[in-house]
Structure formats: structure tokens, C-alpha cells
Amino acid sequence: MEDLGAPISYLMLERGASVYAHDGGKLGRVKEIRADTQEDIFDGIVVDHMPLLQRDDEYIPAERIDEIFERGVLLKADA
């Protein structure tokens, strides 16, 4: 897994950031960030699996996200 940088808030997360399973397997990239910024509530992300896993886009709720970093997202579950 690449160096993901320092932990950040979901407010700083950018589309295109890499998404990794807890065991380090790359799952895809952040396609969409879902949140209510008015209420400061992070809901989750939509992952574009690209051709990596040949799967459709997948919504990942905030409860399944372990940490958000400058250059990526780490999920709680293994691939």
C-alpha cells in the first residue's frame, strides 16, 4: 500500500483518492463523498472499482471506514 499521508477530515478528502481494504488490498478510488456539510455529518463514500475488481460502484457507509488520509481511505474490513 502506498504512503497515504497524514490523517485528515472528510472535508479535505478529494475524489480520486485511493481506497484500501484493511489488509492493504486496493479496492478502487473515491468517486463521491456523501455528507451533510451544513450539519457536519459524514455519511460515507462511493467507490469506483474501475477495472480492478470488475464490479459496479459501491457505497461504503461511514461506519465501515477506519481512517481517512491525505491520499487515501482505509476501510475496517479486509478485501
PDB file of N, CA and C in Angstrom:
ATOM      1  N   MET A   1       0.847  -1.169   0.000  1.00  0.00           N
ATOM      2  CA  MET A   1       0.000   0.000   0.000  1.00  0.00           C
ATOM      3  C   MET A   1       0.897   1.236   0.000  1.00  0.00           C
ATOM      4  N   GLU A   2       0.512   2.209  -0.788  1.00  0.00           N
ATOM      5  CA  GLU A   2       1.267   3.465  -0.864  1.00  0.00           C
ATOM      6  C   GLU A   2       1.179   4.245   0.444  1.00  0.00           C
ATOM      7  N   ASP A   3       2.063   5.205   0.625  1.00  0.00           N
ATOM      8  CA  ASP A   3       2.012   6.093   1.782  1.00  0.00           C
ATOM      9  C   ASP A   3       0.791   6.991   1.622  1.00  0.00           C
ATOM     10  N   LEU A   4      -0.135   6.919   2.553  1.00  0.00           N
ATOM     11  CA  LEU A   4      -1.380   7.671   2.456  1.00  0.00           C
ATOM     12  C   LEU A   4      -1.296   9.066   3.065  1.00  0.00           C
ATOM     13  N   GLY A   5      -0.189   9.381   3.707  1.00  0.00           N
ATOM     14  CA  GLY A   5      -0.039  10.704   4.302  1.00  0.00           C
ATOM     15  C   GLY A   5      -0.667  10.787   5.677  1.00  0.00           C
ATOM     16  N   ALA A   6      -0.911  12.001   6.110  1.00  0.00           N
ATOM     17  CA  ALA A   6      -1.450  12.250   7.443  1.00  0.00           C
ATOM     18  C   ALA A   6      -2.971  12.071   7.466  1.00  0.00           C
ATOM     19  N   PRO A   7      -3.522  11.711   8.627  1.00  0.00           N
ATOM     20  CA  PRO A   7      -4.981  11.642   8.754  1.00  0.00           C
ATOM     21  C   PRO A   7      -5.607  13.022   8.525  1.00  0.00           C
ATOM     22  N   ILE A   8      -6.785  13.024   7.883  1.00  0.00           N
ATOM     23  CA  ILE A   8      -7.493  14.275   7.609  1.00  0.00           C
ATOM     24  C   ILE A   8      -8.982  14.105   7.880  1.00  0.00           C
ATOM     25  N   SER A   9      -9.693  15.202   7.844  1.00  0.00           N
ATOM     26  CA  SER A   9     -11.150  15.210   7.949  1.00  0.00           C
ATOM     27  C   SER A   9     -11.764  14.826   6.603  1.00  0.00           C
ATOM     28  N   TYR A  10     -12.979  14.320   6.641  1.00  0.00           N
ATOM     29  CA  TYR A  10     -13.681  14.020   5.391  1.00  0.00           C
ATOM     30  C   TYR A  10     -13.858  15.270   4.540  1.00  0.00           C
ATOM     31  N   LEU A  11     -13.843  16.429   5.161  1.00  0.00           N
ATOM     32  CA  LEU A  11     -14.000  17.691   4.439  1.00  0.00           C
ATOM     33  C   LEU A  11     -12.832  17.959   3.492  1.00  0.00           C
ATOM     34  N   MET A  12     -11.677  17.374   3.770  1.00  0.00           N
ATOM     35  CA  MET A  12     -10.485  17.570   2.952  1.00  0.00           C
ATOM     36  C   MET A  12     -10.285  16.444   1.931  1.00  0.00           C
ATOM     37  N   LEU A  13     -11.047  15.371   2.047  1.00  0.00           N
ATOM     38  CA  LEU A  13     -10.923  14.228   1.150  1.00  0.00           C
ATOM     39  C   LEU A  13     -11.300  14.637  -0.273  1.00  0.00           C
ATOM     40  N   GLU A  14     -10.519  14.181  -1.242  1.00  0.00           N
ATOM     41  CA  GLU A  14     -10.765  14.523  -2.639  1.00  0.00           C
ATOM     42  C   GLU A  14     -11.189  13.300  -3.430  1.00  0.00           C
ATOM     43  N   ARG A  15     -12.027  13.545  -4.424  1.00  0.00           N
ATOM     44  CA  ARG A  15     -12.388  12.470  -5.347  1.00  0.00           C
ATOM     45  C   ARG A  15     -11.112  11.991  -6.036  1.00  0.00           C
ATOM     46  N   GLY A  16     -11.066  10.699  -6.293  1.00  0.00           N
ATOM     47  CA  GLY A  16      -9.890  10.116  -6.935  1.00  0.00           C
ATOM     48  C   GLY A  16      -8.901   9.528  -5.957  1.00  0.00           C
ATOM     49  N   ALA A  17      -9.088   9.780  -4.652  1.00  0.00           N
ATOM     50  CA  ALA A  17      -8.187   9.203  -3.650  1.00  0.00           C
ATOM     51  C   ALA A  17      -8.351   7.681  -3.651  1.00  0.00           C
ATOM     52  N   SER A  18      -7.276   6.966  -3.428  1.00  0.00           N
ATOM     53  CA  SER A  18      -7.307   5.505  -3.406  1.00  0.00           C
ATOM     54  C   SER A  18      -8.081   5.004  -2.189  1.00  0.00           C
ATOM     55  N   VAL A  19      -8.738   3.849  -2.366  1.00  0.00           N
ATOM     56  CA  VAL A  19      -9.470   3.201  -1.275  1.00  0.00           C
ATOM     57  C   VAL A  19      -8.874   1.824  -1.081  1.00  0.00           C
ATOM     58  N   TYR A  20      -8.508   1.509   0.176  1.00  0.00           N
ATOM     59  CA  TYR A  20      -7.859   0.244   0.506  1.00  0.00           C
ATOM     60  C   TYR A  20      -8.652  -0.518   1.556  1.00  0.00           C
ATOM     61  N   ALA A  21      -8.649  -1.849   1.420  1.00  0.00           N
ATOM     62  CA  ALA A  21      -9.162  -2.719   2.470  1.00  0.00           C
ATOM     63  C   ALA A  21      -8.162  -2.685   3.623  1.00  0.00           C
ATOM     64  N   HIS A  22      -8.575  -3.136   4.792  1.00  0.00           N
ATOM     65  CA  HIS A  22      -7.705  -3.096   5.969  1.00  0.00           C
ATOM     66  C   HIS A  22      -6.435  -3.911   5.787  1.00  0.00           C
ATOM     67  N   ASP A  23      -6.504  -4.965   4.964  1.00  0.00           N
ATOM     68  CA  ASP A  23      -5.320  -5.792   4.724  1.00  0.00           C
ATOM     69  C   ASP A  23      -4.386  -5.209   3.661  1.00  0.00           C
ATOM     70  N   GLY A  24      -4.725  -4.015   3.152  1.00  0.00           N
ATOM     71  CA  GLY A  24      -3.851  -3.339   2.195  1.00  0.00           C
ATOM     72  C   GLY A  24      -4.216  -3.523   0.743  1.00  0.00           C
ATOM     73  N   GLY A  25      -5.214  -4.342   0.441  1.00  0.00           N
ATOM     74  CA  GLY A  25      -5.630  -4.542  -0.939  1.00  0.00           C
ATOM     75  C   GLY A  25      -6.354  -3.321  -1.487  1.00  0.00           C
ATOM     76  N   LYS A  26      -5.944  -2.866  -2.665  1.00  0.00           N
ATOM     77  CA  LYS A  26      -6.571  -1.691  -3.267  1.00  0.00           C
ATOM     78  C   LYS A  26      -7.918  -2.082  -3.862  1.00  0.00           C
ATOM     79  N   LEU A  27      -8.959  -1.311  -3.517  1.00  0.00           N
ATOM     80  CA  LEU A  27     -10.311  -1.596  -3.981  1.00  0.00           C
ATOM     81  C   LEU A  27     -10.770  -0.675  -5.092  1.00  0.00           C
ATOM     82  N   GLY A  28     -10.170   0.495  -5.188  1.00  0.00           N
ATOM     83  CA  GLY A  28     -10.577   1.447  -6.208  1.00  0.00           C
ATOM     84  C   GLY A  28     -10.260   2.866  -5.790  1.00  0.00           C
ATOM     85  N   ARG A  29     -11.112   3.803  -6.249  1.00  0.00           N
ATOM     86  CA  ARG A  29     -10.906   5.227  -5.945  1.00  0.00           C
ATOM     87  C   ARG A  29     -12.217   5.862  -5.499  1.00  0.00           C
ATOM     88  N   VAL A  30     -12.084   6.921  -4.717  1.00  0.00           N
ATOM     89  CA  VAL A  30     -13.262   7.663  -4.256  1.00  0.00           C
ATOM     90  C   VAL A  30     -13.914   8.348  -5.452  1.00  0.00           C
ATOM     91  N   LYS A  31     -15.166   8.016  -5.698  1.00  0.00           N
ATOM     92  CA  LYS A  31     -15.914   8.628  -6.785  1.00  0.00           C
ATOM     93  C   LYS A  31     -16.788   9.769  -6.259  1.00  0.00           C
ATOM     94  N   GLU A  32     -17.286   9.585  -5.040  1.00  0.00           N
ATOM     95  CA  GLU A  32     -18.209  10.567  -4.462  1.00  0.00           C
ATOM     96  C   GLU A  32     -18.071  10.548  -2.945  1.00  0.00           C
ATOM     97  N   ILE A  33     -18.204  11.714  -2.334  1.00  0.00           N
ATOM     98  CA  ILE A  33     -18.186  11.843  -0.879  1.00  0.00           C
ATOM     99  C   ILE A  33     -19.586  12.281  -0.471  1.00  0.00           C
ATOM    100  N   ARG A  34     -20.206  11.506   0.399  1.00  0.00           N
ATOM    101  CA  ARG A  34     -21.570  11.822   0.835  1.00  0.00           C
ATOM    102  C   ARG A  34     -21.540  12.353   2.255  1.00  0.00           C
ATOM    103  N   ALA A  35     -22.069  13.574   2.403  1.00  0.00           N
ATOM    104  CA  ALA A  35     -22.078  14.217   3.713  1.00  0.00           C
ATOM    105  C   ALA A  35     -23.079  15.355   3.720  1.00  0.00           C
ATOM    106  N   ASP A  36     -23.512  15.710   4.913  1.00  0.00           N
ATOM    107  CA  ASP A  36     -24.308  16.918   5.114  1.00  0.00           C
ATOM    108  C   ASP A  36     -23.358  17.918   5.761  1.00  0.00           C
ATOM    109  N   THR A  37     -22.739  18.751   4.938  1.00  0.00           N
ATOM    110  CA  THR A  37     -21.737  19.684   5.459  1.00  0.00           C
ATOM    111  C   THR A  37     -22.354  20.768   6.340  1.00  0.00           C
ATOM    112  N   GLN A  38     -23.618  21.069   6.121  1.00  0.00           N
ATOM    113  CA  GLN A  38     -24.307  22.058   6.970  1.00  0.00           C
ATOM    114  C   GLN A  38     -24.363  21.556   8.417  1.00  0.00           C
ATOM    115  N   GLU A  39     -24.627  20.263   8.574  1.00  0.00           N
ATOM    116  CA  GLU A  39     -24.737  19.649   9.904  1.00  0.00           C
ATOM    117  C   GLU A  39     -23.432  18.969  10.343  1.00  0.00           C
ATOM    118  N   ASP A  40     -22.411  18.978   9.461  1.00  0.00           N
ATOM    119  CA  ASP A  40     -21.121  18.335   9.708  1.00  0.00           C
ATOM    120  C   ASP A  40     -21.287  16.845  10.018  1.00  0.00           C
ATOM    121  N   ILE A  41     -22.044  16.168   9.146  1.00  0.00           N
ATOM    122  CA  ILE A  41     -22.275  14.734   9.295  1.00  0.00           C
ATOM    123  C   ILE A  41     -21.735  14.026   8.060  1.00  0.00           C
ATOM    124  N   PHE A  42     -20.745  13.175   8.283  1.00  0.00           N
ATOM    125  CA  PHE A  42     -20.159  12.368   7.208  1.00  0.00           C
ATOM    126  C   PHE A  42     -20.971  11.095   7.069  1.00  0.00           C
ATOM    127  N   ASP A  43     -21.465  10.816   5.861  1.00  0.00           N
ATOM    128  CA  ASP A  43     -22.315   9.659   5.626  1.00  0.00           C
ATOM    129  C   ASP A  43     -21.548   8.491   5.018  1.00  0.00           C
ATOM    130  N   GLY A  44     -20.567   8.765   4.151  1.00  0.00           N
ATOM    131  CA  GLY A  44     -19.799   7.691   3.535  1.00  0.00           C
ATOM    132  C   GLY A  44     -19.231   8.109   2.194  1.00  0.00           C
ATOM    133  N   ILE A  45     -18.765   7.121   1.438  1.00  0.00           N
ATOM    134  CA  ILE A  45     -18.176   7.377   0.121  1.00  0.00           C
ATOM    135  C   ILE A  45     -18.738   6.376  -0.894  1.00  0.00           C
ATOM    136  N   VAL A  46     -18.619   6.738  -2.159  1.00  0.00           N
ATOM    137  CA  VAL A  46     -18.911   5.817  -3.246  1.00  0.00           C
ATOM    138  C   VAL A  46     -17.565   5.478  -3.878  1.00  0.00           C
ATOM    139  N   VAL A  47     -17.299   4.178  -4.000  1.00  0.00           N
ATOM    140  CA  VAL A  47     -16.032   3.697  -4.549  1.00  0.00           C
ATOM    141  C   VAL A  47     -16.228   3.275  -5.997  1.00  0.00           C
ATOM    142  N   ASP A  48     -15.380   3.791  -6.861  1.00  0.00           N
ATOM    143  CA  ASP A  48     -15.303   3.357  -8.252  1.00  0.00           C
ATOM    144  C   ASP A  48     -14.260   2.251  -8.291  1.00  0.00           C
ATOM    145  N   HIS A  49     -14.703   1.026  -8.501  1.00  0.00           N
ATOM    146  CA  HIS A  49     -13.778  -0.112  -8.503  1.00  0.00           C
ATOM    147  C   HIS A  49     -12.932  -0.164  -9.766  1.00  0.00           C
ATOM    148  N   MET A  50     -13.265   0.657 -10.767  1.00  0.00           N
ATOM    149  CA  MET A  50     -12.515   0.690 -12.014  1.00  0.00           C
ATOM    150  C   MET A  50     -12.415  -0.733 -12.564  1.00  0.00           C
ATOM    151  N   PRO A  51     -11.450  -1.010 -13.393  1.00  0.00           N
ATOM    152  CA  PRO A  51     -11.339  -2.395 -13.882  1.00  0.00           C
ATOM    153  C   PRO A  51     -10.692  -3.322 -12.862  1.00  0.00           C
ATOM    154  N   LEU A  52     -10.315  -2.798 -11.698  1.00  0.00           N
ATOM    155  CA  LEU A  52      -9.601  -3.626 -10.719  1.00  0.00           C
ATOM    156  C   LEU A  52     -10.378  -4.878 -10.334  1.00  0.00           C
ATOM    157  N   LEU A  53     -11.619  -4.703  -9.925  1.00  0.00           N
ATOM    158  CA  LEU A  53     -12.399  -5.841  -9.445  1.00  0.00           C
ATOM    159  C   LEU A  53     -13.572  -6.171 -10.356  1.00  0.00           C
ATOM    160  N   GLN A  54     -13.716  -5.445 -11.435  1.00  0.00           N
ATOM    161  CA  GLN A  54     -14.812  -5.643 -12.380  1.00  0.00           C
ATOM    162  C   GLN A  54     -16.152  -5.676 -11.661  1.00  0.00           C
ATOM    163  N   ARG A  55     -16.364  -4.690 -10.784  1.00  0.00           N
ATOM    164  CA  ARG A  55     -17.618  -4.560 -10.039  1.00  0.00           C
ATOM    165  C   ARG A  55     -18.175  -3.173 -10.264  1.00  0.00           C
ATOM    166  N   ASP A  56     -19.474  -3.018 -10.014  1.00  0.00           N
ATOM    167  CA  ASP A  56     -20.112  -1.714 -10.098  1.00  0.00           C
ATOM    168  C   ASP A  56     -19.641  -0.838  -8.948  1.00  0.00           C
ATOM    169  N   ASP A  57     -19.925   0.454  -9.065  1.00  0.00           N
ATOM    170  CA  ASP A  57     -19.619   1.374  -7.974  1.00  0.00           C
ATOM    171  C   ASP A  57     -20.298   0.870  -6.698  1.00  0.00           C
ATOM    172  N   GLU A  58     -19.668   1.142  -5.563  1.00  0.00           N
ATOM    173  CA  GLU A  58     -20.188   0.631  -4.287  1.00  0.00           C
ATOM    174  C   GLU A  58     -20.210   1.744  -3.251  1.00  0.00           C
ATOM    175  N   TYR A  59     -21.334   1.864  -2.575  1.00  0.00           N
ATOM    176  CA  TYR A  59     -21.452   2.816  -1.471  1.00  0.00           C
ATOM    177  C   TYR A  59     -20.879   2.176  -0.212  1.00  0.00           C
ATOM    178  N   ILE A  60     -19.989   2.906   0.467  1.00  0.00           N
ATOM    179  CA  ILE A  60     -19.392   2.449   1.719  1.00  0.00           C
ATOM    180  C   ILE A  60     -19.839   3.421   2.814  1.00  0.00           C
ATOM    181  N   PRO A  61     -20.664   2.978   3.770  1.00  0.00           N
ATOM    182  CA  PRO A  61     -21.104   3.883   4.833  1.00  0.00           C
ATOM    183  C   PRO A  61     -19.947   4.237   5.774  1.00  0.00           C
ATOM    184  N   ALA A  62     -20.079   5.369   6.427  1.00  0.00           N
ATOM    185  CA  ALA A  62     -19.028   5.885   7.326  1.00  0.00           C
ATOM    186  C   ALA A  62     -18.620   4.858   8.381  1.00  0.00           C
ATOM    187  N   GLU A  63     -19.554   4.035   8.845  1.00  0.00           N
ATOM    188  CA  GLU A  63     -19.252   3.046   9.895  1.00  0.00           C
ATOM    189  C   GLU A  63     -18.232   2.010   9.438  1.00  0.00           C
ATOM    190  N   ARG A  64     -18.090   1.827   8.127  1.00  0.00           N
ATOM    191  CA  ARG A  64     -17.149   0.831   7.598  1.00  0.00           C
ATOM    192  C   ARG A  64     -15.793   1.431   7.240  1.00  0.00           C
ATOM    193  N   ILE A  65     -15.618   2.724   7.490  1.00  0.00           N
ATOM    194  CA  ILE A  65     -14.357   3.403   7.182  1.00  0.00           C
ATOM    195  C   ILE A  65     -13.533   3.532   8.452  1.00  0.00           C
ATOM    196  N   ASP A  66     -12.292   3.046   8.381  1.00  0.00           N
ATOM    197  CA  ASP A  66     -11.399   3.095   9.538  1.00  0.00           C
ATOM    198  C   ASP A  66     -10.766   4.474   9.669  1.00  0.00           C
ATOM    199  N   GLU A  67     -10.095   4.938   8.605  1.00  0.00           N
ATOM    200  CA  GLU A  67      -9.437   6.243   8.647  1.00  0.00           C
ATOM    201  C   GLU A  67      -9.427   6.880   7.262  1.00  0.00           C
ATOM    202  N   ILE A  68      -9.368   8.203   7.262  1.00  0.00           N
ATOM    203  CA  ILE A  68      -9.251   8.987   6.036  1.00  0.00           C
ATOM    204  C   ILE A  68      -7.921   9.722   6.097  1.00  0.00           C
ATOM    205  N   PHE A  69      -7.143   9.598   5.030  1.00  0.00           N
ATOM    206  CA  PHE A  69      -5.826  10.207   4.962  1.00  0.00           C
ATOM    207  C   PHE A  69      -5.756  11.183   3.790  1.00  0.00           C
ATOM    208  N   GLU A  70      -4.649  11.900   3.706  1.00  0.00           N
ATOM    209  CA  GLU A  70      -4.443  12.874   2.623  1.00  0.00           C
ATOM    210  C   GLU A  70      -4.583  12.256   1.239  1.00  0.00           C
ATOM    211  N   ARG A  71      -4.093  11.032   1.081  1.00  0.00           N
ATOM    212  CA  ARG A  71      -4.082  10.418  -0.251  1.00  0.00           C
ATOM    213  C   ARG A  71      -4.844   9.092  -0.305  1.00  0.00           C
ATOM    214  N   GLY A  72      -5.735   8.876   0.631  1.00  0.00           N
ATOM    215  CA  GLY A  72      -6.490   7.627   0.556  1.00  0.00           C
ATOM    216  C   GLY A  72      -7.383   7.371   1.746  1.00  0.00           C
ATOM    217  N   VAL A  73      -8.157   6.304   1.602  1.00  0.00           N
ATOM    218  CA  VAL A  73      -9.112   5.885   2.616  1.00  0.00           C
ATOM    219  C   VAL A  73      -8.823   4.439   2.965  1.00  0.00           C
ATOM    220  N   LEU A  74      -8.842   4.114   4.251  1.00  0.00           N
ATOM    221  CA  LEU A  74      -8.630   2.760   4.739  1.00  0.00           C
ATOM    222  C   LEU A  74      -9.925   2.263   5.356  1.00  0.00           C
ATOM    223  N   LEU A  75     -10.406   1.129   4.866  1.00  0.00           N
ATOM    224  CA  LEU A  75     -11.632   0.546   5.386  1.00  0.00           C
ATOM    225  C   LEU A  75     -11.345  -0.360   6.580  1.00  0.00           C
ATOM    226  N   LYS A  76     -12.369  -0.675   7.353  1.00  0.00           N
ATOM    227  CA  LYS A  76     -12.200  -1.535   8.520  1.00  0.00           C
ATOM    228  C   LYS A  76     -12.065  -3.007   8.144  1.00  0.00           C
ATOM    229  N   ALA A  77     -12.685  -3.431   7.054  1.00  0.00           N
ATOM    230  CA  ALA A  77     -12.698  -4.837   6.667  1.00  0.00           C
ATOM    231  C   ALA A  77     -11.592  -5.171   5.674  1.00  0.00           C
ATOM    232  N   ASP A  78     -11.169  -6.430   5.695  1.00  0.00           N
ATOM    233  CA  ASP A  78     -10.217  -6.918   4.702  1.00  0.00           C
ATOM    234  C   ASP A  78     -10.937  -7.124   3.371  1.00  0.00           C
ATOM    235  N   ALA A  79     -10.147  -7.198   2.314  1.00  0.00           N
ATOM    236  CA  ALA A  79     -10.722  -7.424   0.972  1.00  0.00           C
ATOM    237  C   ALA A  79     -11.352  -8.789   0.939  1.00  0.00           C
TER     238      ALA A  79
END
